[in-house]
Protein backbone atom coordinates (compact mmCIF):
# COMPACT_ATOMS: atom_id res chain seq x y z
CA MET A 1 0.07 -0.09 -0.06
CA LYS A 2 1.40 3.50 -0.97
CA LYS A 3 2.34 5.95 1.65
CA TRP A 4 1.27 9.35 1.04
CA ASN A 5 3.43 11.98 2.56
CA VAL A 6 0.65 14.74 3.65
CA GLY A 7 0.97 18.51 4.08
CA VAL A 8 -1.65 19.61 6.48
CA TYR A 9 -2.76 22.92 5.51
CA LEU A 10 -4.22 25.31 8.23
CA ARG A 11 -5.56 28.71 7.75
CA LEU A 12 -7.63 31.57 9.75
CA SER A 13 -8.17 34.92 8.73
CA VAL A 14 -9.00 37.90 10.71
CA GLU A 15 -12.23 37.93 8.79
CA ASP A 16 -13.03 34.69 10.32
CA GLY A 17 -12.59 35.78 13.69
CA LYS A 18 -10.32 34.36 16.50
CA ASP A 19 -13.54 33.38 18.57
CA ASN A 20 -14.82 30.97 15.98
CA GLU A 21 -14.58 27.73 17.46
CA SER A 22 -15.39 25.60 14.32
CA ASN A 23 -12.81 27.21 12.44
CA SER A 24 -9.85 27.70 14.73
CA ILE A 25 -6.52 26.58 14.00
CA LEU A 26 -6.56 23.97 17.00
CA ASN A 27 -9.84 22.59 15.57
CA GLN A 28 -8.81 22.26 12.16
CA LYS A 29 -5.75 20.33 13.24
CA THR A 30 -7.65 17.97 15.82
CA LEU A 31 -10.07 17.23 12.86
CA ILE A 32 -7.22 16.59 10.43
CA ASP A 33 -5.44 14.60 12.94
CA GLN A 34 -8.19 12.09 13.51
CA TYR A 35 -8.81 11.72 10.13
CA VAL A 36 -5.21 10.61 9.08
CA LYS A 37 -5.24 8.30 12.09
CA GLU A 38 -8.15 6.51 10.75
CA ASN A 39 -6.68 6.41 7.28
CA LYS A 40 -3.52 4.33 7.40
CA ASP A 41 -2.16 5.37 3.81
CA LEU A 42 -1.74 8.78 5.34
CA LYS A 43 1.38 10.01 6.72
CA ILE A 44 1.86 13.81 7.99
CA TYR A 45 5.21 15.26 6.84
CA ASP A 46 4.31 18.62 8.32
CA TYR A 47 1.88 21.43 9.32
CA TYR A 48 1.63 24.58 7.14
CA ILE A 49 -0.42 27.40 9.36
CA ASP A 50 -1.25 30.66 7.77
CA ASP A 51 -2.92 32.30 10.97
CA GLY A 52 -4.15 35.67 9.86
CA TYR A 53 -4.20 35.41 6.37
CA SER A 54 -6.98 36.03 4.01
CA GLY A 55 -8.22 33.24 1.83
CA THR A 56 -8.87 35.75 -1.39
CA ASN A 57 -5.26 35.09 -2.55
CA PHE A 58 -2.51 32.66 -2.31
CA GLU A 59 0.22 35.10 -1.30
CA ARG A 60 0.58 33.54 2.19
CA PRO A 61 3.96 32.47 3.74
CA ASP A 62 3.13 29.11 4.76
CA PHE A 63 1.18 28.11 1.62
CA LYS A 64 4.25 29.00 -0.37
CA ARG A 65 6.37 26.65 1.79
CA LEU A 66 3.84 23.98 1.38
CA MET A 67 4.04 24.35 -2.54
CA GLN A 68 8.16 24.41 -2.43
CA ASP A 69 7.83 21.00 -0.49
CA VAL A 70 5.50 19.90 -3.10
CA GLU A 71 8.07 20.95 -5.99
CA ASP A 72 10.85 19.23 -3.80
CA LYS A 73 8.89 15.79 -4.02
CA LYS A 74 8.83 15.95 -0.02
CA VAL A 75 4.94 16.33 -0.07
CA ASP A 76 2.56 14.22 -2.37
CA SER A 77 -0.57 15.02 -0.88
CA ILE A 78 -2.40 18.11 0.79
CA ILE A 79 -5.33 17.78 3.28
CA VAL A 80 -7.43 20.61 4.63
CA LYS A 81 -10.46 20.61 6.77
CA ASP A 82 -12.61 22.05 4.01
CA LEU A 83 -12.45 24.41 0.69
CA SER A 84 -13.06 27.60 2.53
CA ARG A 85 -9.70 26.97 4.49
CA PHE A 86 -7.69 26.09 1.20
CA GLY A 87 -8.90 29.52 -0.47
CA ARG A 88 -11.60 31.88 -1.02
CA ASN A 89 -10.44 32.99 -4.42
CA PHE A 90 -13.02 31.41 -6.89
CA ILE A 91 -10.51 31.39 -10.16
CA GLU A 92 -7.11 30.69 -8.28
CA THR A 93 -8.97 27.95 -6.17
CA GLY A 94 -10.35 26.20 -9.27
CA GLN A 95 -6.97 26.82 -11.16
CA TYR A 96 -5.19 24.62 -8.29
CA LEU A 97 -7.91 22.05 -7.96
CA GLU A 98 -8.24 21.34 -11.76
CA ILE A 99 -5.13 22.07 -13.48
CA THR A 100 -2.01 22.59 -11.03
CA PHE A 101 -2.58 19.69 -8.76
CA PRO A 102 -3.42 17.06 -11.45
CA LEU A 103 -0.27 17.98 -13.42
CA LEU A 104 1.78 17.71 -10.25
CA LYS A 105 0.23 14.17 -9.36
CA LEU A 106 -0.68 15.68 -6.14
CA ARG A 107 -3.40 13.94 -3.96
CA PHE A 108 -5.94 16.45 -2.51
CA ILE A 109 -8.16 15.96 0.23
CA SER A 110 -10.95 18.05 1.60
CA ILE A 111 -12.59 16.36 4.67
CA GLY A 112 -15.56 18.51 4.98
CA ASP A 113 -16.66 18.51 1.44
CA HIS A 114 -15.90 14.48 1.10
CA LEU A 115 -13.27 15.66 -1.88
CA ASP A 116 -10.48 13.02 -2.35
CA SER A 117 -8.66 13.25 -5.69
CA PHE A 118 -7.00 9.93 -5.59
CA LYS A 119 -9.62 7.73 -3.84
CA ASN A 120 -12.64 9.70 -5.64
CA PRO A 121 -11.27 11.24 -8.80
CA GLU A 122 -14.94 12.38 -9.83
CA SER A 123 -15.28 14.13 -6.47
CA VAL A 124 -13.23 16.88 -7.30
CA ASN A 125 -14.83 17.40 -10.89
CA ASN A 126 -18.17 17.30 -9.62
CA ILE A 127 -20.34 20.66 -10.25
CA ILE A 128 -20.82 21.30 -6.79
CA VAL A 129 -16.88 21.95 -6.17
CA PRO A 130 -16.87 25.28 -8.24
CA PHE A 131 -20.29 26.14 -6.79
CA LYS A 132 -18.83 26.00 -3.37
CA ASN A 133 -15.91 27.75 -4.20
CA LEU A 134 -17.90 30.44 -5.83
CA MET A 135 -19.76 30.63 -2.46
CA ASN A 136 -16.79 31.02 -0.37
CA ASP A 137 -15.41 33.61 -2.69
CA ASP A 138 -18.83 35.47 -2.47
CA TYR A 139 -18.64 35.27 1.28
CA SER A 140 -15.05 37.26 1.26
CA ARG A 141 -16.67 39.77 -0.72
CA ASP A 142 -19.61 40.24 1.37
CA ILE A 143 -17.42 40.08 4.52
CA SER A 144 -14.75 42.71 2.83
CA ASN A 145 -17.78 45.09 1.91
CA LYS A 146 -19.34 44.83 5.50
CA ILE A 147 -15.75 45.37 7.33
CA LYS A 148 -15.41 48.38 4.84
CA SER A 149 -18.99 49.82 5.71
CA THR A 150 -18.50 49.46 9.37
CA LEU A 151 -15.02 51.46 9.28
CA ASN A 152 -16.27 54.18 7.15
CA VAL A 153 -19.16 54.70 9.74
CA LYS A 154 -16.52 54.83 12.32
CA LYS A 155 -14.21 57.25 10.16
CA SER A 156 -17.31 59.56 9.53
CA LYS A 157 -17.79 59.96 13.16
CA GLY A 158 -14.12 61.25 13.42
CA GLU A 159 -12.49 58.30 15.02
CA PHE A 160 -8.68 57.74 14.07
CA LEU A 161 -8.27 54.13 12.98
CA GLY A 162 -4.70 54.30 11.83
CA ALA A 163 -2.23 51.95 13.25
CA TYR A 164 0.19 54.73 14.35
CA ALA A 165 -0.56 58.52 14.96
CA PRO A 166 0.52 61.24 12.80
CA TYR A 167 3.93 62.85 13.78
CA GLY A 168 2.97 65.51 16.16
CA TYR A 169 0.22 63.67 17.63
CA LEU A 170 -0.42 60.66 20.10
CA LYS A 171 -3.39 58.40 20.51
CA ASN A 172 -5.32 59.29 23.58
CA PRO A 173 -4.91 56.68 26.23
CA ASP A 174 -8.45 57.08 27.27
CA ASN A 175 -9.64 56.92 24.15
CA ARG A 176 -7.42 55.34 21.10
CA LYS A 177 -9.56 56.46 18.41
CA GLU A 178 -9.00 60.32 19.18
CA LEU A 179 -5.74 62.30 18.70
CA ILE A 180 -3.95 64.64 21.14
CA ILE A 181 -1.09 66.69 20.73
CA ASP A 182 2.17 65.46 21.53
CA LYS A 183 4.16 68.41 22.96
CA GLU A 184 7.52 67.34 22.10
CA ALA A 185 7.06 66.53 18.37
CA SER A 186 4.47 69.50 17.92
CA LEU A 187 7.35 71.83 18.80
CA VAL A 188 9.13 70.62 15.71
CA ILE A 189 6.20 70.85 13.42
CA LYS A 190 5.86 74.35 14.53
CA LYS A 191 9.89 75.25 13.86
CA ILE A 192 9.24 73.80 10.44
CA PHE A 193 6.15 75.93 9.80
CA ASN A 194 7.84 79.00 11.29
CA ASP A 195 11.03 78.54 9.25
CA VAL A 196 9.29 78.40 6.03
CA ILE A 197 7.08 81.55 6.76
CA LYS A 198 10.39 83.30 7.62
CA GLY A 199 11.72 82.63 3.92
CA LYS A 200 14.04 79.76 4.76
CA SER A 201 14.37 76.97 1.94
CA LYS A 202 13.51 73.55 2.34
CA LEU A 203 17.42 72.64 2.13
CA GLU A 204 18.30 75.26 4.80
CA ILE A 205 15.51 73.69 7.18
CA VAL A 206 16.81 70.30 6.20
CA GLU A 207 20.47 71.04 6.95
CA ASP A 208 19.17 72.84 10.28
CA LEU A 209 17.18 69.72 11.49
CA ASN A 210 20.06 67.26 10.78
CA LYS A 211 22.76 70.01 12.30
CA THR A 212 21.05 70.20 15.76
CA ASN A 213 20.20 66.15 15.92
CA ILE A 214 16.50 66.57 15.86
CA LEU A 215 14.99 63.13 15.34
CA THR A 216 12.94 62.49 12.23
CA PRO A 217 9.45 61.29 12.31
CA SER A 218 10.35 57.81 11.88
CA ALA A 219 13.19 57.66 14.37
CA TYR A 220 10.99 59.55 17.05
CA MET A 221 8.50 56.73 16.37
CA HIS A 222 11.03 54.30 17.13
CA LYS A 223 12.43 56.11 20.17
CA MET A 224 8.74 56.23 21.49
CA LYS A 225 7.68 52.51 20.49
CA PRO A 226 10.91 50.38 19.36
CA SER A 227 9.98 48.13 16.44
CA LYS A 228 11.49 46.41 13.69
CA ARG A 229 9.73 48.90 11.23
CA TYR A 230 12.41 50.85 9.09
CA TYR A 231 13.38 54.33 10.06
CA THR A 232 16.01 56.79 9.19
CA ASN A 233 18.00 59.50 11.32
CA THR A 234 18.56 62.05 8.29
CA TRP A 235 15.80 64.50 7.23
CA ASP A 236 15.38 65.22 3.65
CA ALA A 237 13.01 67.69 1.64
CA ARG A 238 10.63 64.75 0.90
CA MET A 239 9.90 64.86 5.04
CA ILE A 240 9.46 68.71 4.94
CA ASP A 241 6.76 68.29 2.19
CA LYS A 242 4.96 65.94 3.87
CA ILE A 243 4.65 68.02 6.83
CA ILE A 244 3.78 71.17 5.26
CA LYS A 245 1.22 69.59 3.35
CA ASN A 246 -0.59 67.61 5.93
CA LYS A 247 -4.01 69.08 6.95
CA VAL A 248 -3.77 66.97 10.12
CA TYR A 249 -2.01 69.79 11.75
CA ILE A 250 -4.77 72.24 11.25
CA GLY A 251 -7.27 69.79 12.92
CA GLU A 252 -8.74 67.93 9.95
CA LEU A 253 -8.78 64.21 9.94
CA ILE A 254 -8.59 62.57 6.39
CA GLN A 255 -8.91 58.97 6.03
CA ASN A 256 -9.67 56.60 2.76
CA LYS A 257 -6.85 58.22 1.12
CA THR A 258 -6.35 54.88 -0.60
CA ARG A 259 -8.24 52.06 -1.54
CA ARG A 260 -7.55 48.38 -2.54
CA ILE A 261 -8.17 47.44 -6.23
CA SER A 262 -10.50 44.44 -4.83
CA TYR A 263 -11.01 42.46 -2.08
CA LYS A 264 -8.77 39.73 -3.50
CA ILE A 265 -5.39 42.08 -4.59
CA ARG A 266 -3.76 43.74 -1.63
CA LYS A 267 -2.18 46.41 -4.14
CA THR A 268 -4.06 49.87 -3.43
CA VAL A 269 -4.52 53.13 -5.49
CA LYS A 270 -4.95 56.71 -4.23
CA ASN A 271 -8.51 57.89 -3.99
CA SER A 272 -9.78 61.28 -5.23
CA GLU A 273 -10.68 63.79 -2.66
CA SER A 274 -14.33 63.28 -3.05
CA GLN A 275 -13.72 59.69 -2.28
CA MET A 276 -11.60 60.41 0.94
CA ILE A 277 -13.52 61.04 4.56
CA ILE A 278 -12.39 64.19 5.58
CA ILE A 279 -13.87 65.66 9.24
CA LYS A 280 -12.82 69.29 9.67
CA HIS A 281 -12.27 70.77 13.23
CA ASN A 282 -11.75 66.92 14.39
CA HIS A 283 -8.87 67.58 16.85
CA LYS A 284 -6.81 70.46 18.30
CA PRO A 285 -4.66 71.95 15.72
CA ILE A 286 -0.92 72.63 15.96
CA ILE A 287 -0.68 75.21 13.20
CA SER A 288 -3.14 78.05 12.46
CA LYS A 289 -4.90 77.72 9.32
CA ASN A 290 -3.57 81.24 8.03
CA ASN A 291 -0.07 79.87 8.75
CA PHE A 292 -0.67 76.62 6.94
CA GLU A 293 -1.99 78.27 3.90
CA LEU A 294 1.02 80.72 3.95
CA ALA A 295 3.41 78.13 4.40
CA ASN A 296 2.16 76.32 1.46
CA LYS A 297 1.60 79.40 -0.77
CA ILE A 298 5.17 80.26 -0.17
CA LEU A 299 6.79 76.80 -1.23
CA TYR A 300 4.64 75.53 -3.86
CA SER A 301 2.79 78.78 -5.19
CA ARG A 302 4.61 80.01 -8.53
CA ASP A 303 3.73 83.46 -7.40
CA ILE A 304 6.22 83.12 -4.33
CA ARG A 305 9.96 82.55 -5.27
CA PRO A 306 13.09 83.41 -3.27
CA MET A 307 15.34 86.20 -4.30
CA LYS A 308 19.15 85.35 -5.09
CA ASN A 309 19.65 86.15 -1.40
CA ASN A 310 17.36 83.40 -0.62
CA GLU A 311 14.82 85.80 0.96
CA TYR A 312 11.18 86.81 -0.06
CA ASP A 313 10.18 90.10 -1.60
CA ILE A 314 7.83 91.49 1.26
CA PHE A 315 5.04 91.56 -1.09
CA ALA A 316 5.68 88.26 -2.91
CA GLY A 317 2.34 86.17 -3.33
CA TYR A 318 0.11 89.09 -2.25
CA ILE A 319 0.11 91.64 -5.00
CA LYS A 320 -1.76 91.23 -8.37
CA CYS A 321 -2.66 93.43 -11.27
CA GLY A 322 -6.24 95.00 -10.62
CA ASP A 323 -7.17 94.62 -14.34
CA CYS A 324 -5.88 91.27 -15.43
CA ASN A 325 -5.83 89.66 -12.33
CA ASN A 326 -2.20 88.25 -13.05
CA THR A 327 0.95 88.65 -10.59
CA MET A 328 2.99 91.45 -10.37
CA ALA A 329 6.74 91.00 -11.25
CA ASN A 330 9.26 92.20 -9.18
CA LYS A 331 12.39 94.12 -11.14
CA LYS A 332 15.22 96.53 -10.31
CA TYR A 333 17.13 98.94 -11.78
CA LYS A 334 20.21 101.27 -11.02
CA LYS A 335 20.65 104.83 -11.23
CA TYR A 336 23.59 107.04 -9.94
CA ASN A 337 24.47 104.04 -7.69
CA THR A 338 21.14 103.47 -6.35
CA THR A 339 19.12 100.53 -6.72
CA TYR A 340 15.41 100.90 -7.07
CA ASN A 341 12.83 98.36 -6.78
CA TYR A 342 9.59 98.42 -8.71
CA TYR A 343 6.43 96.31 -9.69
CA LEU A 344 5.01 95.66 -13.09
CA CYS A 345 2.19 93.50 -14.29
CA SER A 346 3.78 90.16 -15.48
CA SER A 347 1.26 89.92 -18.21
CA TYR A 348 2.56 93.23 -19.92
CA ARG A 349 6.13 92.41 -19.16
CA ARG A 350 5.77 88.86 -21.01
CA LYS A 351 3.38 89.35 -23.55
CA LYS A 352 2.44 93.26 -23.57
CA GLU A 353 -1.39 92.21 -23.18
CA CYS A 354 -1.97 94.46 -20.51
CA SER A 355 -0.61 97.73 -19.27
CA MET A 356 2.36 98.39 -17.23
CA HIS A 357 0.73 99.10 -13.87
CA LYS A 358 4.28 100.14 -12.55
CA ILE A 359 4.81 101.49 -8.92
CA SER A 360 7.95 101.48 -6.90
CA ARG A 361 8.17 98.98 -3.58
CA LYS A 362 8.99 102.09 -1.44
CA GLU A 363 5.82 103.94 -2.34
CA LEU A 364 3.53 100.46 -2.47
CA GLU A 365 4.94 99.96 1.14
CA SER A 366 3.84 103.64 2.30
CA ILE A 367 0.60 103.25 0.83
CA VAL A 368 -0.21 99.77 2.42
CA LEU A 369 1.14 100.84 5.66
CA ASP A 370 -1.22 104.01 5.72
CA ILE A 371 -4.21 101.81 4.83
CA ILE A 372 -3.42 99.04 7.30
CA ASN A 373 -3.00 101.77 9.98
CA ILE A 374 -6.04 103.26 9.11
CA GLN A 375 -7.92 99.90 9.20
CA ILE A 376 -6.47 99.22 12.66
CA LYS A 377 -8.12 102.63 14.11
CA ILE A 378 -11.31 101.69 12.60
CA LEU A 379 -11.22 98.00 14.15
CA TYR A 380 -10.15 99.56 17.42
CA ASP A 381 -13.02 101.66 17.32
CA ILE A 382 -15.30 98.95 16.55
CA LYS A 383 -14.04 96.89 19.32
CA ARG A 384 -14.30 99.60 21.84
CA LYS A 385 -17.72 100.07 20.71
CA ILE A 386 -18.53 96.52 21.17
CA ASP A 387 -16.65 96.44 24.53
CA GLU A 388 -18.92 99.58 25.71
CA TYR A 389 -22.28 97.84 25.21
CA GLN A 390 -21.20 94.46 26.49
CA SER A 391 -20.12 96.32 29.66
CA LYS A 392 -22.90 98.41 30.05
CA GLU A 393 -25.81 96.20 29.12
CA LYS A 394 -24.36 92.73 29.95
CA ILE A 395 -24.99 91.85 26.55
CA ASN A 396 -23.44 88.70 24.44
CA PHE A 397 -21.89 89.32 21.20
CA ASP A 398 -22.59 86.39 19.58
CA TYR A 399 -26.26 86.25 20.94
CA GLU A 400 -26.77 89.80 19.62
CA LEU A 401 -25.24 88.98 16.30
CA GLN A 402 -27.59 86.03 15.85
CA ARG A 403 -30.42 87.98 16.97
CA HIS A 404 -30.07 90.59 14.37
CA GLN A 405 -29.54 87.91 11.77
CA LEU A 406 -32.90 86.33 13.17
CA LEU A 407 -34.78 89.84 12.80
CA THR A 408 -33.38 90.43 9.12
CA THR A 409 -34.41 86.72 8.02
CA GLU A 410 -37.94 86.86 9.67
CA SER A 411 -38.33 90.24 7.77
CA LEU A 412 -37.47 88.58 4.32
CA LEU A 413 -39.88 85.50 5.35
CA VAL A 414 -42.80 87.75 5.77
CA LYS A 415 -42.09 89.89 2.54
CA ASN A 416 -41.91 86.73 0.44
CA LYS A 417 -44.93 85.13 1.81
CA GLU A 418 -46.90 88.44 1.00
CA LEU A 419 -45.48 88.42 -2.67
CA LEU A 420 -46.43 84.75 -2.82
CA LYS A 421 -49.98 85.65 -1.68
CA GLY A 422 -50.13 88.36 -4.14
CA LEU A 423 -49.36 86.26 -7.07
CA GLU A 424 -53.13 84.65 -7.15
CA TYR A 425 -54.67 88.42 -7.84
CA ASP A 426 -51.88 89.34 -10.52
CA LEU A 427 -52.89 85.93 -11.99
CA GLU A 428 -56.62 86.94 -11.93
CA SER A 429 -56.18 90.48 -12.78
CA GLY A 430 -54.15 89.16 -15.97
CA TYR A 431 -50.80 91.18 -14.89
CA LEU A 432 -49.27 87.62 -15.06
CA SER A 433 -49.50 84.75 -17.45
CA LYS A 434 -49.90 81.45 -16.13
CA GLU A 435 -46.10 80.58 -17.07
CA ASP A 436 -44.80 83.54 -15.41
CA TYR A 437 -47.18 82.64 -12.14
CA ASN A 438 -45.75 79.12 -11.93
CA GLU A 439 -42.17 80.58 -12.30
CA TYR A 440 -42.61 83.06 -9.75
CA LYS A 441 -44.54 80.91 -7.50
CA LEU A 442 -41.56 78.32 -7.42
CA HIS A 443 -39.14 80.95 -6.81
CA TYR A 444 -40.97 82.46 -3.66
CA LYS A 445 -41.62 78.93 -2.18
CA SER A 446 -37.96 77.80 -2.46
CA LEU A 447 -36.83 81.23 -0.84
CA ILE A 448 -39.82 80.59 2.06
CA ILE A 449 -38.28 77.09 2.77
CA LYS A 450 -34.70 78.72 2.66
CA TYR A 451 -35.88 81.52 5.06
CA GLU A 452 -37.42 78.84 7.39
CA GLU A 453 -34.73 76.63 7.60
CA SER A 454 -32.18 79.66 8.48
CA ILE A 455 -34.52 80.82 11.26
CA LYS A 456 -34.69 77.14 12.59
CA ASN A 457 -30.81 77.18 12.63
CA ILE A 458 -30.58 80.40 14.25
CA ASN A 459 -32.83 79.56 16.98
CA ASP A 460 -30.69 76.59 17.45
CA LYS A 461 -27.62 78.58 17.79
CA LEU A 462 -29.13 81.22 20.37
CA ASN A 463 -30.32 78.37 22.24
CA LYS A 464 -26.67 76.81 22.43
CA ILE A 465 -25.00 80.31 22.75
CA LYS A 466 -22.97 80.74 26.09
CA PHE A 467 -21.65 84.06 27.39
CA LYS A 468 -18.10 83.83 26.36
CA SER A 469 -15.78 85.93 24.17
CA SER A 470 -16.74 85.68 20.68
CA THR A 471 -14.92 84.50 17.56
CA TYR A 472 -15.15 88.14 15.91
CA GLN A 473 -13.92 89.84 19.08
CA LYS A 474 -10.91 87.48 19.32
CA VAL A 475 -10.21 88.45 15.58
CA LEU A 476 -10.31 92.21 16.61
CA GLU A 477 -8.22 91.63 19.55
CA ASN A 478 -5.55 89.77 17.55
CA LEU A 479 -5.57 92.70 15.16
CA THR A 480 -5.53 95.55 17.52
CA LYS A 481 -3.35 94.48 20.16
CA ASN A 482 -0.09 95.91 18.85
CA GLY A 483 -1.89 99.30 17.91
CA GLU A 484 -0.36 101.23 14.94
CA LEU A 485 2.22 99.76 12.66
CA VAL A 486 5.66 101.62 12.46
CA LYS A 487 7.13 99.42 9.68
CA LEU A 488 5.41 96.92 7.06
CA THR A 489 6.33 93.44 7.47
CA ARG A 490 5.57 90.05 6.02
CA LYS A 491 4.06 88.90 9.04
CA ALA A 492 1.56 92.09 9.05
CA LEU A 493 0.45 91.30 5.66
CA ASN A 494 0.06 87.59 6.93
CA GLU A 495 -2.30 88.37 9.65
CA MET A 496 -4.35 91.15 7.58
CA ILE A 497 -4.24 90.96 4.07
CA ASP A 498 -5.40 88.33 1.33
CA THR A 499 -4.79 90.30 -1.87
CA ILE A 500 -3.29 93.64 -3.02
CA TYR A 501 -4.66 94.68 -6.43
CA ILE A 502 -2.51 97.17 -8.13
CA TYR A 503 -4.27 99.67 -10.91
CA GLU A 504 -2.66 102.41 -12.91
CA ASN A 505 -1.76 105.85 -11.32
CA ASN A 506 -0.61 104.16 -8.12
CA GLN A 507 -4.37 103.07 -7.05
CA ILE A 508 -4.36 100.11 -4.86
CA LYS A 509 -7.35 98.03 -3.65
CA ILE A 510 -6.88 95.88 -0.46
CA LYS A 511 -8.82 92.57 0.23
CA PHE A 512 -8.52 91.93 3.81
CA LYS A 513 -8.87 88.48 5.46
CA TYR A 514 -11.25 89.25 7.97
CA ASN A 515 -14.13 90.69 5.94
CA ASP A 516 -16.51 88.22 7.29
CA GLU A 517 -15.77 89.44 11.01
CA TYR A 518 -15.84 92.94 10.25
CA LYS A 519 -19.28 92.71 8.46
CA ASN A 520 -20.52 90.90 11.41
CA ALA A 521 -19.15 93.23 13.87
CA LEU A 522 -21.01 96.41 11.96
CA ASN A 523 -24.09 94.25 12.19
CA PHE A 524 -23.89 93.60 15.69
CA ILE A 525 -23.34 97.62 16.23
CA LYS A 526 -26.06 98.35 13.76
CA GLY A 527 -28.63 96.03 15.32
CA TYR A 528 -27.95 97.09 18.64
CA SER A 529 -28.04 100.95 18.06
CA ALA A 530 -31.18 100.28 16.22
CA VAL A 531 -32.75 98.73 19.62
CA VAL A 532 -31.35 101.38 21.92
């Protein structure tokens, strides 16, 4: 009687669950050992165990070891508990059973499916086998979709599901799905952003970090939690790029950046932004949004390039032609041993498609400084007025602002309801055609729904408002705390200005960053003054 050298193959994936007693590794081994004991023509050569590996593909270490032993003629029979333990990929499983194993003259036994390619060759070719393989394949697809759906729900709630917290953050010991700031690493993040804003190049920042022996993100992670993962002690420009572009530092949690090609293939592809799960204001930011945007603008905008001395022009990234909206080019000329700096429209300079819009840097600095100081004075007066109202009447800025918006919205709602009511009369009187009537009716109804929804939202906000310093006041405080500017700096431009538009004859227009806060503050004063 021929003795078969058996390779016992055991597999359990994460999806199967460690608590699934019937499929546990121990249970599979016990069942197969008993079967071999009862069949005297079988002799176990070795056990091949892939614990924690999916059955959707055959990229499994011990399965590869098993096939190598088959090729080396050490094993001439494979035994499994059932087909699902062998594999859940319909195509590949069928390939092994119908082509590969017969060519190798390999005996295949699946105890649970009553398959034995030697004793009963027809059992493997039975129509039920591919059907079972298809069911096993479909089970994997279904489990994969359910897991993906569950994880996406958790991600949508702002739960961080990564294995490691991003550099600069830690997993909260009390809630592992929440990110908290790592004080030590966050100082490095702040330093990198500040260096970029100051005008340092990526090369200078990298050299400085390496020179001062600051640990790289991977080296820092290894220090905090030693592992076999690869890490490097040398900073490079790619690391700086990764940090500067990462919105996690402004409090955004971005997950689902990649996806697997299919549940059978581990290879991943990048998702588009619309496919990602992005939760804003998810955790405490390390970098302000203004500084984040400025650093990205400095490093990656074509409008901002360092000069020959590796410093940035004070207006780089801020000035545009008021007519064609193109950037203004920075130029120099010498006269009587004196260097003069000026700006002109880049579209005019390259193609003569616009007018020159020429203005000297000295004159532009003077004009912008004057306008900023006038604006600071106005903001100071607004802040003083708000403080006066609040201290006298014990009123709350946020509350009064929302109340003013409520009154305005209620007025618009009443007006549109009256207009809708008047349409019937206009139709009957012949002032409106049926077609115009239907169009106006639809328009007014949509506005009424919009205003009713807005009133509901405002009332919700009014119910939640607590008596604390408002966002608008904080903006005003930040802008007025230093008083009048003596000299124009890039820091001042960053805090206050979005864009400076240059027109002919040295006419300029400034778009400030805090327009919404400014309007809200004025609405507050106007609304309160109307009451008193």
